[in-house]
Amino acid sequence: EDESDDEDELQPLPGTDVQDEKQPAKTIFYLNDLKKAIISEDYEQVEAALNQFPERIRELPNELPAMAEELVDAVLYLDNRFNMSTFRDKRRQILVSLASCAPEVVVASLHKHFFAKQVM
């Protein structure tokens, strides 16, 4: 009888560690790495990038002007392929951070996309 009780308990899949499930997200330090992470096929990378992007934009003003237009492009055409409930808000926060930290480049890029009718 003891053996059947042991068999009925839920067991983690081999190669998984139940204790590791809620590890903090890896910090991404550079804007180029964030851009790569948001287009990744890995859910955790995308989620970490979406969460960290607005703060990193504000922290890296010297890196931003050179990358602002390609970041706008990446964020505008980003799909919610993981059906994240906060995706639209996170994407909006990133765009607002970009526009507030590099307004000339970002507004020109948004203007170009808007009039090309390619957005959303």
C-alpha atoms as a PDB file:
ATOM      1  CA  GLU A   1       0.000   0.000   0.000  1.00  0.00           C
ATOM      2  CA  ASP A   2       2.862   2.399   0.726  1.00  0.00           C
ATOM      3  CA  GLU A   3       4.216   1.896  -2.804  1.00  0.00           C
ATOM      4  CA  SER A   4       0.919   2.911  -4.427  1.00  0.00           C
ATOM      5  CA  ASP A   5       0.793   6.097  -2.306  1.00  0.00           C
ATOM      6  CA  ASP A   6       4.273   7.053  -3.538  1.00  0.00           C
ATOM      7  CA  GLU A   7       3.258   6.477  -7.157  1.00  0.00           C
ATOM      8  CA  ASP A   8       0.196   8.735  -6.826  1.00  0.00           C
ATOM      9  CA  GLU A   9       2.232  11.788  -5.774  1.00  0.00           C
ATOM     10  CA  LEU A  10       3.101  14.348  -8.413  1.00  0.00           C
ATOM     11  CA  GLN A  11       6.726  14.168  -9.448  1.00  0.00           C
ATOM     12  CA  PRO A  12       8.681  16.870 -11.310  1.00  0.00           C
ATOM     13  CA  LEU A  13       9.764  16.062 -14.831  1.00  0.00           C
ATOM     14  CA  PRO A  14      13.327  14.816 -15.159  1.00  0.00           C
ATOM     15  CA  GLY A  15      15.751  17.668 -15.677  1.00  0.00           C
ATOM     16  CA  THR A  16      13.544  20.234 -13.956  1.00  0.00           C
ATOM     17  CA  ASP A  17      14.132  21.692 -10.549  1.00  0.00           C
ATOM     18  CA  VAL A  18      10.957  22.859  -8.831  1.00  0.00           C
ATOM     19  CA  GLN A  19      12.908  25.239  -6.607  1.00  0.00           C
ATOM     20  CA  ASP A  20      14.323  27.098  -9.629  1.00  0.00           C
ATOM     21  CA  GLU A  21      10.923  28.054 -11.054  1.00  0.00           C
ATOM     22  CA  LYS A  22      10.792  31.576  -9.588  1.00  0.00           C
ATOM     23  CA  GLN A  23      14.357  32.750 -10.116  1.00  0.00           C
ATOM     24  CA  PRO A  24      14.666  36.476 -10.712  1.00  0.00           C
ATOM     25  CA  ALA A  25      14.927  37.475 -14.358  1.00  0.00           C
ATOM     26  CA  LYS A  26      18.416  37.923 -15.742  1.00  0.00           C
ATOM     27  CA  THR A  27      19.366  41.586 -15.921  1.00  0.00           C
ATOM     28  CA  ILE A  28      20.051  42.784 -19.441  1.00  0.00           C
ATOM     29  CA  PHE A  29      22.502  45.665 -19.478  1.00  0.00           C
ATOM     30  CA  TYR A  30      22.712  46.922 -23.070  1.00  0.00           C
ATOM     31  CA  LEU A  31      20.059  48.204 -25.464  1.00  0.00           C
ATOM     32  CA  ASN A  32      21.266  45.971 -28.287  1.00  0.00           C
ATOM     33  CA  ASP A  33      20.898  42.934 -25.998  1.00  0.00           C
ATOM     34  CA  LEU A  34      17.397  44.092 -25.036  1.00  0.00           C
ATOM     35  CA  LYS A  35      16.469  44.397 -28.705  1.00  0.00           C
ATOM     36  CA  LYS A  36      17.670  40.832 -29.312  1.00  0.00           C
ATOM     37  CA  ALA A  37      15.810  39.592 -26.236  1.00  0.00           C
ATOM     38  CA  ILE A  38      12.414  41.056 -27.196  1.00  0.00           C
ATOM     39  CA  ILE A  39      12.494  39.262 -30.543  1.00  0.00           C
ATOM     40  CA  SER A  40      13.710  36.023 -28.974  1.00  0.00           C
ATOM     41  CA  GLU A  41      11.678  32.818 -29.049  1.00  0.00           C
ATOM     42  CA  ASP A  42      12.289  32.362 -25.309  1.00  0.00           C
ATOM     43  CA  TYR A  43       9.391  33.534 -23.103  1.00  0.00           C
ATOM     44  CA  GLU A  44      11.601  34.417 -20.119  1.00  0.00           C
ATOM     45  CA  GLN A  45      13.920  36.538 -22.267  1.00  0.00           C
ATOM     46  CA  VAL A  46      11.025  38.410 -23.847  1.00  0.00           C
ATOM     47  CA  GLU A  47       9.368  39.017 -20.490  1.00  0.00           C
ATOM     48  CA  ALA A  48      12.630  40.212 -18.891  1.00  0.00           C
ATOM     49  CA  ALA A  49      13.322  42.529 -21.819  1.00  0.00           C
ATOM     50  CA  LEU A  50       9.830  44.039 -21.772  1.00  0.00           C
ATOM     51  CA  ASN A  51      10.126  44.659 -18.033  1.00  0.00           C
ATOM     52  CA  GLN A  52      13.631  46.141 -18.156  1.00  0.00           C
ATOM     53  CA  PHE A  53      13.471  48.144 -21.376  1.00  0.00           C
ATOM     54  CA  PRO A  54      11.993  51.457 -20.087  1.00  0.00           C
ATOM     55  CA  GLU A  55      14.482  51.705 -17.232  1.00  0.00           C
ATOM     56  CA  ARG A  56      17.475  50.795 -19.424  1.00  0.00           C
ATOM     57  CA  ILE A  57      16.464  53.433 -21.977  1.00  0.00           C
ATOM     58  CA  ARG A  58      16.582  56.088 -19.261  1.00  0.00           C
ATOM     59  CA  GLU A  59      19.871  54.750 -17.860  1.00  0.00           C
ATOM     60  CA  LEU A  60      21.737  54.634 -21.182  1.00  0.00           C
ATOM     61  CA  PRO A  61      21.252  58.047 -22.813  1.00  0.00           C
ATOM     62  CA  ASN A  62      24.605  57.849 -24.647  1.00  0.00           C
ATOM     63  CA  GLU A  63      23.742  54.524 -26.268  1.00  0.00           C
ATOM     64  CA  LEU A  64      20.216  55.547 -27.269  1.00  0.00           C
ATOM     65  CA  PRO A  65      20.591  58.041 -30.156  1.00  0.00           C
ATOM     66  CA  ALA A  66      22.496  55.554 -32.320  1.00  0.00           C
ATOM     67  CA  MET A  67      19.914  52.821 -31.740  1.00  0.00           C
ATOM     68  CA  ALA A  68      16.657  54.710 -31.265  1.00  0.00           C
ATOM     69  CA  GLU A  69      15.248  54.205 -34.757  1.00  0.00           C
ATOM     70  CA  GLU A  70      15.932  50.466 -34.876  1.00  0.00           C
ATOM     71  CA  LEU A  71      14.492  50.093 -31.360  1.00  0.00           C
ATOM     72  CA  VAL A  72      11.312  51.875 -32.479  1.00  0.00           C
ATOM     73  CA  ASP A  73      11.064  49.519 -35.462  1.00  0.00           C
ATOM     74  CA  ALA A  74      11.579  46.435 -33.292  1.00  0.00           C
ATOM     75  CA  VAL A  75       9.025  47.532 -30.690  1.00  0.00           C
ATOM     76  CA  LEU A  76       6.388  48.696 -33.197  1.00  0.00           C
ATOM     77  CA  TYR A  77       6.403  45.416 -35.093  1.00  0.00           C
ATOM     78  CA  LEU A  78       6.696  43.197 -32.044  1.00  0.00           C
ATOM     79  CA  ASP A  79       3.980  40.542 -31.820  1.00  0.00           C
ATOM     80  CA  ASN A  80       2.423  39.285 -28.608  1.00  0.00           C
ATOM     81  CA  ARG A  81       3.291  35.709 -29.518  1.00  0.00           C
ATOM     82  CA  PHE A  82       3.202  34.550 -25.887  1.00  0.00           C
ATOM     83  CA  ASN A  83      -0.211  36.133 -25.190  1.00  0.00           C
ATOM     84  CA  MET A  84       1.095  38.212 -22.294  1.00  0.00           C
ATOM     85  CA  SER A  85      -1.694  40.087 -20.568  1.00  0.00           C
ATOM     86  CA  THR A  86       0.519  43.157 -19.998  1.00  0.00           C
ATOM     87  CA  PHE A  87       2.091  43.195 -23.470  1.00  0.00           C
ATOM     88  CA  ARG A  88       0.343  46.307 -24.828  1.00  0.00           C
ATOM     89  CA  ASP A  89       1.079  48.321 -21.690  1.00  0.00           C
ATOM     90  CA  LYS A  90       4.728  47.252 -21.673  1.00  0.00           C
ATOM     91  CA  ARG A  91       5.113  48.095 -25.368  1.00  0.00           C
ATOM     92  CA  ARG A  92       3.513  51.503 -24.785  1.00  0.00           C
ATOM     93  CA  GLN A  93       5.863  52.167 -21.837  1.00  0.00           C
ATOM     94  CA  ILE A  94       8.864  51.365 -24.015  1.00  0.00           C
ATOM     95  CA  LEU A  95       7.681  53.694 -26.788  1.00  0.00           C
ATOM     96  CA  VAL A  96       7.030  56.509 -24.296  1.00  0.00           C
ATOM     97  CA  SER A  97      10.494  56.046 -22.774  1.00  0.00           C
ATOM     98  CA  LEU A  98      12.069  56.101 -26.227  1.00  0.00           C
ATOM     99  CA  ALA A  99      10.148  59.242 -27.228  1.00  0.00           C
ATOM    100  CA  SER A 100      10.971  61.064 -24.012  1.00  0.00           C
ATOM    101  CA  CYS A 101      14.692  60.214 -24.087  1.00  0.00           C
ATOM    102  CA  ALA A 102      15.380  60.652 -27.826  1.00  0.00           C
ATOM    103  CA  PRO A 103      12.455  62.759 -29.063  1.00  0.00           C
ATOM    104  CA  GLU A 104      13.902  63.981 -32.364  1.00  0.00           C
ATOM    105  CA  VAL A 105      14.839  60.535 -33.670  1.00  0.00           C
ATOM    106  CA  VAL A 106      11.847  58.670 -32.250  1.00  0.00           C
ATOM    107  CA  VAL A 107       9.179  61.166 -33.306  1.00  0.00           C
ATOM    108  CA  ALA A 108      10.621  61.256 -36.841  1.00  0.00           C
ATOM    109  CA  SER A 109      10.596  57.462 -36.966  1.00  0.00           C
ATOM    110  CA  LEU A 110       7.040  57.225 -35.616  1.00  0.00           C
ATOM    111  CA  HIS A 111       5.946  59.888 -38.113  1.00  0.00           C
ATOM    112  CA  LYS A 112       7.450  57.866 -40.969  1.00  0.00           C
ATOM    113  CA  HIS A 113       5.674  54.677 -39.823  1.00  0.00           C
ATOM    114  CA  PHE A 114       2.379  56.427 -39.216  1.00  0.00           C
ATOM    115  CA  PHE A 115       2.209  57.906 -42.678  1.00  0.00           C
ATOM    116  CA  ALA A 116       3.383  54.652 -44.250  1.00  0.00           C
ATOM    117  CA  LYS A 117       0.305  53.057 -42.605  1.00  0.00           C
ATOM    118  CA  GLN A 118       2.372  50.113 -41.445  1.00  0.00           C
ATOM    119  CA  VAL A 119       1.760  50.414 -37.727  1.00  0.00           C
ATOM    120  CA  MET A 120      -0.511  48.210 -35.667  1.00  0.00           C
END
